[in-house]
C-alpha cells in the first residue's frame, strides 16, 4: 500500500487548505473514535470537500456551526457536543481567513 503522505496531491500548495480542514475535522472527532489506533483515520474526510466549498463561498461561522451540528445530529444520529462543535467551526473559519490572507 502506498503511503498517502507521498502522494503528489499532498505536495501541491493548493491542497493545503483541504488537508487542514481534514485535520481539524479529525481533531473535532464527534464520534470519539480516532483515539482507537485500529480505527481508520479517514472517518470524517467525506465532510471536508463540502466544508471547503462553504468556506470558499464565505460561509458565516453560525452557518458553518449549523452545518457541523446537522452532520452530528442528522447523519451520525448522535448528540452534539455544542461547545466542541462551535470551537471547530471557529477554528475552521480562523484558518480559512488566515490562509486567504497568505494568498
N, C-alpha and C. Protein backbone atom coordinates (compact mmCIF):
# COMPACT_ATOMS: atom_id res chain seq x y z
N UNK A 1 0.84 -1.18 0.00
CA UNK A 1 0.00 0.00 0.00
C UNK A 1 0.89 1.25 0.00
N UNK A 2 0.53 2.21 -0.80
CA UNK A 2 1.28 3.45 -0.88
C UNK A 2 1.00 4.33 0.33
N UNK A 3 2.01 5.04 0.75
CA UNK A 3 1.86 5.99 1.84
C UNK A 3 1.18 7.25 1.29
N UNK A 4 0.00 7.63 1.81
CA UNK A 4 -0.69 8.81 1.29
C UNK A 4 0.12 10.10 1.45
N UNK A 5 1.06 10.13 2.37
CA UNK A 5 1.88 11.33 2.55
C UNK A 5 2.86 11.53 1.38
N UNK A 6 3.06 10.47 0.60
CA UNK A 6 3.92 10.57 -0.57
C UNK A 6 3.14 10.96 -1.82
N UNK A 7 1.87 11.15 -1.69
CA UNK A 7 1.02 11.49 -2.82
C UNK A 7 1.40 12.85 -3.40
N UNK A 8 1.28 12.97 -4.70
CA UNK A 8 1.55 14.25 -5.36
C UNK A 8 0.54 15.31 -4.89
N UNK A 9 -0.70 14.89 -4.63
CA UNK A 9 -1.72 15.83 -4.16
C UNK A 9 -1.28 16.51 -2.86
N UNK A 10 -0.75 15.75 -1.95
CA UNK A 10 -0.34 16.28 -0.65
C UNK A 10 0.76 17.33 -0.81
N UNK A 11 1.57 17.19 -1.82
CA UNK A 11 2.66 18.15 -2.04
C UNK A 11 2.20 19.41 -2.77
N UNK A 12 1.01 19.41 -3.31
CA UNK A 12 0.53 20.59 -4.04
C UNK A 12 0.19 21.72 -3.07
N UNK A 13 0.65 22.94 -3.34
CA UNK A 13 0.34 24.07 -2.45
C UNK A 13 -1.17 24.34 -2.31
N UNK A 14 -1.94 24.09 -3.38
CA UNK A 14 -3.37 24.35 -3.31
C UNK A 14 -4.13 23.30 -2.51
N UNK A 15 -3.48 22.23 -2.12
CA UNK A 15 -4.12 21.19 -1.31
C UNK A 15 -4.06 21.52 0.18
N UNK A 16 -3.26 22.48 0.56
CA UNK A 16 -3.04 22.80 1.98
C UNK A 16 -4.34 23.05 2.73
N UNK A 17 -5.23 23.85 2.13
CA UNK A 17 -6.49 24.17 2.80
C UNK A 17 -7.34 22.95 3.04
N UNK A 18 -7.47 22.11 2.04
CA UNK A 18 -8.28 20.91 2.17
C UNK A 18 -7.69 19.98 3.24
N UNK A 19 -6.38 19.82 3.21
CA UNK A 19 -5.74 18.95 4.20
C UNK A 19 -5.90 19.48 5.62
N UNK A 20 -5.83 20.78 5.79
CA UNK A 20 -6.01 21.38 7.12
C UNK A 20 -7.45 21.20 7.59
N UNK A 21 -8.41 21.34 6.70
CA UNK A 21 -9.81 21.10 7.06
C UNK A 21 -9.97 19.66 7.53
N UNK A 22 -9.37 18.73 6.82
CA UNK A 22 -9.44 17.33 7.24
C UNK A 22 -8.82 17.15 8.62
N UNK A 23 -7.70 17.80 8.87
CA UNK A 23 -7.03 17.72 10.17
C UNK A 23 -7.92 18.26 11.29
N UNK A 24 -8.57 19.40 11.04
CA UNK A 24 -9.45 19.99 12.06
C UNK A 24 -10.68 19.12 12.30
N UNK A 25 -11.21 18.48 11.27
CA UNK A 25 -12.34 17.58 11.46
C UNK A 25 -11.94 16.36 12.26
N UNK A 26 -10.73 15.89 12.05
CA UNK A 26 -10.25 14.74 12.85
C UNK A 26 -10.05 15.13 14.31
N UNK A 27 -9.61 16.34 14.55
CA UNK A 27 -9.47 16.81 15.94
C UNK A 27 -10.84 16.97 16.59
N UNK A 28 -11.82 17.37 15.81
CA UNK A 28 -13.20 17.52 16.29
C UNK A 28 -13.72 16.16 16.74
N UNK A 29 -13.62 15.15 15.91
CA UNK A 29 -13.94 13.75 16.23
C UNK A 29 -15.21 13.60 17.08
N UNK A 30 -16.37 14.00 16.55
CA UNK A 30 -17.60 13.97 17.36
C UNK A 30 -18.01 12.57 17.82
N UNK A 31 -17.61 11.55 17.09
CA UNK A 31 -17.96 10.19 17.48
C UNK A 31 -16.99 9.66 18.54
N UNK A 32 -15.79 10.23 18.59
CA UNK A 32 -14.81 9.82 19.59
C UNK A 32 -14.12 8.52 19.24
N UNK A 33 -13.91 8.29 17.93
CA UNK A 33 -13.32 7.02 17.51
C UNK A 33 -11.83 7.12 17.17
N UNK A 34 -11.32 8.31 16.98
CA UNK A 34 -9.96 8.42 16.48
C UNK A 34 -8.89 8.19 17.55
N UNK A 35 -9.31 8.01 18.79
CA UNK A 35 -8.37 7.61 19.83
C UNK A 35 -8.04 6.12 19.71
N UNK A 36 -8.90 5.40 18.99
CA UNK A 36 -8.72 3.96 18.78
C UNK A 36 -7.71 3.78 17.64
N UNK A 37 -6.56 3.21 17.94
CA UNK A 37 -5.49 3.06 16.94
C UNK A 37 -5.93 2.23 15.75
N UNK A 38 -6.92 1.35 15.93
CA UNK A 38 -7.35 0.47 14.85
C UNK A 38 -8.43 1.11 13.97
N UNK A 39 -8.93 2.26 14.37
CA UNK A 39 -10.00 2.90 13.59
C UNK A 39 -9.39 3.66 12.41
N UNK A 40 -9.98 3.57 11.23
CA UNK A 40 -9.45 4.30 10.08
C UNK A 40 -9.41 5.81 10.32
N UNK A 41 -8.33 6.46 9.89
CA UNK A 41 -8.14 7.89 10.11
C UNK A 41 -9.04 8.75 9.21
N UNK A 42 -9.71 8.14 8.25
CA UNK A 42 -10.49 8.91 7.28
C UNK A 42 -11.97 9.03 7.65
N UNK A 43 -12.31 8.80 8.89
CA UNK A 43 -13.71 8.78 9.34
C UNK A 43 -14.49 10.04 8.91
N UNK A 44 -13.87 11.20 8.94
CA UNK A 44 -14.59 12.45 8.67
C UNK A 44 -14.19 13.10 7.35
N UNK A 45 -13.33 12.45 6.59
CA UNK A 45 -12.81 13.05 5.37
C UNK A 45 -13.91 13.37 4.36
N UNK A 46 -14.97 12.59 4.31
CA UNK A 46 -16.04 12.83 3.34
C UNK A 46 -16.73 14.17 3.55
N UNK A 47 -16.61 14.73 4.72
CA UNK A 47 -17.25 16.03 5.01
C UNK A 47 -16.36 17.21 4.62
N UNK A 48 -15.10 16.94 4.31
CA UNK A 48 -14.15 18.04 4.11
C UNK A 48 -14.40 18.83 2.82
N UNK A 49 -14.65 18.18 1.71
CA UNK A 49 -14.82 18.91 0.45
C UNK A 49 -16.01 19.87 0.49
N UNK A 50 -17.18 19.45 0.98
CA UNK A 50 -18.28 20.42 1.08
C UNK A 50 -17.96 21.58 2.02
N UNK A 51 -17.23 21.30 3.08
CA UNK A 51 -16.86 22.37 4.02
C UNK A 51 -15.88 23.34 3.36
N UNK A 52 -14.93 22.81 2.59
CA UNK A 52 -14.01 23.69 1.86
C UNK A 52 -14.80 24.59 0.92
N UNK A 53 -15.77 24.04 0.21
CA UNK A 53 -16.60 24.86 -0.69
C UNK A 53 -17.35 25.94 0.08
N UNK A 54 -17.90 25.56 1.24
CA UNK A 54 -18.63 26.54 2.06
C UNK A 54 -17.70 27.66 2.49
N UNK A 55 -16.52 27.30 2.96
CA UNK A 55 -15.55 28.30 3.41
C UNK A 55 -15.15 29.20 2.25
N UNK A 56 -14.91 28.60 1.11
CA UNK A 56 -14.52 29.37 -0.07
C UNK A 56 -15.63 30.32 -0.52
N UNK A 57 -16.87 29.93 -0.27
CA UNK A 57 -18.03 30.75 -0.65
C UNK A 57 -18.35 31.82 0.40
N UNK A 58 -17.59 31.85 1.50
CA UNK A 58 -17.78 32.89 2.51
C UNK A 58 -18.84 32.58 3.55
N UNK A 59 -19.00 31.32 3.89
CA UNK A 59 -19.98 30.92 4.91
C UNK A 59 -19.72 31.68 6.21
N UNK A 60 -20.78 31.96 6.95
CA UNK A 60 -20.62 32.57 8.27
C UNK A 60 -20.29 31.48 9.29
N UNK A 61 -19.73 31.90 10.41
CA UNK A 61 -19.41 30.93 11.46
C UNK A 61 -20.68 30.23 11.97
N UNK A 62 -21.75 30.99 12.11
CA UNK A 62 -23.01 30.39 12.58
C UNK A 62 -23.54 29.35 11.60
N UNK A 63 -23.47 29.64 10.30
CA UNK A 63 -23.94 28.68 9.31
C UNK A 63 -23.04 27.44 9.26
N UNK A 64 -21.75 27.64 9.42
CA UNK A 64 -20.83 26.50 9.46
C UNK A 64 -21.09 25.65 10.69
N UNK A 65 -21.30 26.30 11.82
CA UNK A 65 -21.64 25.58 13.05
C UNK A 65 -22.92 24.76 12.83
N UNK A 66 -23.94 25.38 12.25
CA UNK A 66 -25.20 24.67 11.99
C UNK A 66 -24.97 23.46 11.09
N UNK A 67 -24.11 23.61 10.09
CA UNK A 67 -23.80 22.50 9.19
C UNK A 67 -23.13 21.36 9.95
N UNK A 68 -22.14 21.68 10.77
CA UNK A 68 -21.46 20.66 11.57
C UNK A 68 -22.44 19.98 12.53
N UNK A 69 -23.29 20.77 13.14
CA UNK A 69 -24.27 20.21 14.07
C UNK A 69 -25.23 19.25 13.36
N UNK A 70 -25.65 19.61 12.13
CA UNK A 70 -26.52 18.72 11.36
C UNK A 70 -25.80 17.42 11.00
N UNK A 71 -24.51 17.51 10.71
CA UNK A 71 -23.75 16.29 10.43
C UNK A 71 -23.85 15.34 11.61
N UNK A 72 -23.67 15.89 12.80
CA UNK A 72 -23.69 15.06 14.01
C UNK A 72 -25.08 14.53 14.31
N UNK A 73 -26.05 15.42 14.32
CA UNK A 73 -27.39 15.01 14.77
C UNK A 73 -28.21 14.28 13.71
N UNK A 74 -28.02 14.64 12.43
CA UNK A 74 -28.84 14.02 11.39
C UNK A 74 -28.12 12.88 10.67
N UNK A 75 -26.85 13.04 10.36
CA UNK A 75 -26.13 11.99 9.62
C UNK A 75 -25.59 10.93 10.57
N UNK A 76 -24.99 11.38 11.68
CA UNK A 76 -24.41 10.42 12.63
C UNK A 76 -25.44 9.96 13.65
N UNK A 77 -26.48 10.76 13.80
CA UNK A 77 -27.57 10.47 14.74
C UNK A 77 -27.08 10.25 16.17
N UNK A 78 -26.23 11.20 16.60
CA UNK A 78 -25.75 11.19 17.98
C UNK A 78 -25.92 12.59 18.55
N UNK A 79 -25.87 12.73 19.88
CA UNK A 79 -25.95 14.07 20.46
C UNK A 79 -24.73 14.90 20.08
N UNK A 80 -24.94 16.18 19.95
CA UNK A 80 -23.87 17.09 19.55
C UNK A 80 -23.25 17.77 20.77
N UNK A 81 -21.93 17.71 20.86
CA UNK A 81 -21.20 18.49 21.85
C UNK A 81 -21.11 19.90 21.26
N UNK A 82 -22.01 20.76 21.67
CA UNK A 82 -22.13 22.08 21.05
C UNK A 82 -20.91 22.95 21.27
N UNK A 83 -20.27 22.83 22.41
CA UNK A 83 -19.07 23.63 22.70
C UNK A 83 -17.94 23.22 21.76
N UNK A 84 -17.71 21.93 21.65
CA UNK A 84 -16.64 21.43 20.78
C UNK A 84 -16.94 21.72 19.30
N UNK A 85 -18.20 21.62 18.93
CA UNK A 85 -18.59 21.89 17.56
C UNK A 85 -18.46 23.37 17.23
N UNK A 86 -18.82 24.23 18.14
CA UNK A 86 -18.66 25.68 17.94
C UNK A 86 -17.17 26.02 17.82
N UNK A 87 -16.35 25.41 18.67
CA UNK A 87 -14.91 25.65 18.62
C UNK A 87 -14.33 25.21 17.27
N UNK A 88 -14.80 24.08 16.77
CA UNK A 88 -14.33 23.58 15.48
C UNK A 88 -14.73 24.53 14.36
N UNK A 89 -15.96 25.02 14.39
CA UNK A 89 -16.41 25.98 13.38
C UNK A 89 -15.53 27.23 13.42
N UNK A 90 -15.23 27.70 14.62
CA UNK A 90 -14.39 28.90 14.78
C UNK A 90 -12.97 28.63 14.25
N UNK A 91 -12.41 27.47 14.58
CA UNK A 91 -11.06 27.13 14.11
C UNK A 91 -11.02 27.03 12.59
N UNK A 92 -12.04 26.45 12.00
CA UNK A 92 -12.10 26.36 10.54
C UNK A 92 -12.16 27.76 9.92
N UNK A 93 -12.98 28.62 10.50
CA UNK A 93 -13.12 29.98 9.99
C UNK A 93 -11.80 30.75 10.12
N UNK A 94 -11.17 30.64 11.27
CA UNK A 94 -9.91 31.35 11.50
C UNK A 94 -8.82 30.86 10.55
N UNK A 95 -8.72 29.55 10.38
CA UNK A 95 -7.72 29.02 9.46
C UNK A 95 -7.99 29.54 8.04
N UNK A 96 -9.24 29.47 7.61
CA UNK A 96 -9.55 29.86 6.24
C UNK A 96 -9.24 31.34 6.00
N UNK A 97 -9.59 32.16 6.99
CA UNK A 97 -9.32 33.59 6.87
C UNK A 97 -7.80 33.83 6.77
N UNK A 98 -7.03 33.17 7.61
CA UNK A 98 -5.57 33.32 7.58
C UNK A 98 -4.98 32.82 6.27
N UNK A 99 -5.50 31.71 5.78
CA UNK A 99 -4.94 31.13 4.55
C UNK A 99 -5.26 32.01 3.35
N UNK A 100 -6.41 32.67 3.37
CA UNK A 100 -6.75 33.58 2.26
C UNK A 100 -5.85 34.82 2.30
N UNK A 101 -5.50 35.25 3.50
CA UNK A 101 -4.64 36.43 3.64
C UNK A 101 -3.24 36.13 3.09
N UNK A 102 -2.82 34.88 3.18
CA UNK A 102 -1.49 34.48 2.70
C UNK A 102 -1.42 34.38 1.18
N UNK A 103 -2.56 34.24 0.53
CA UNK A 103 -2.56 34.05 -0.93
C UNK A 103 -2.31 35.33 -1.66
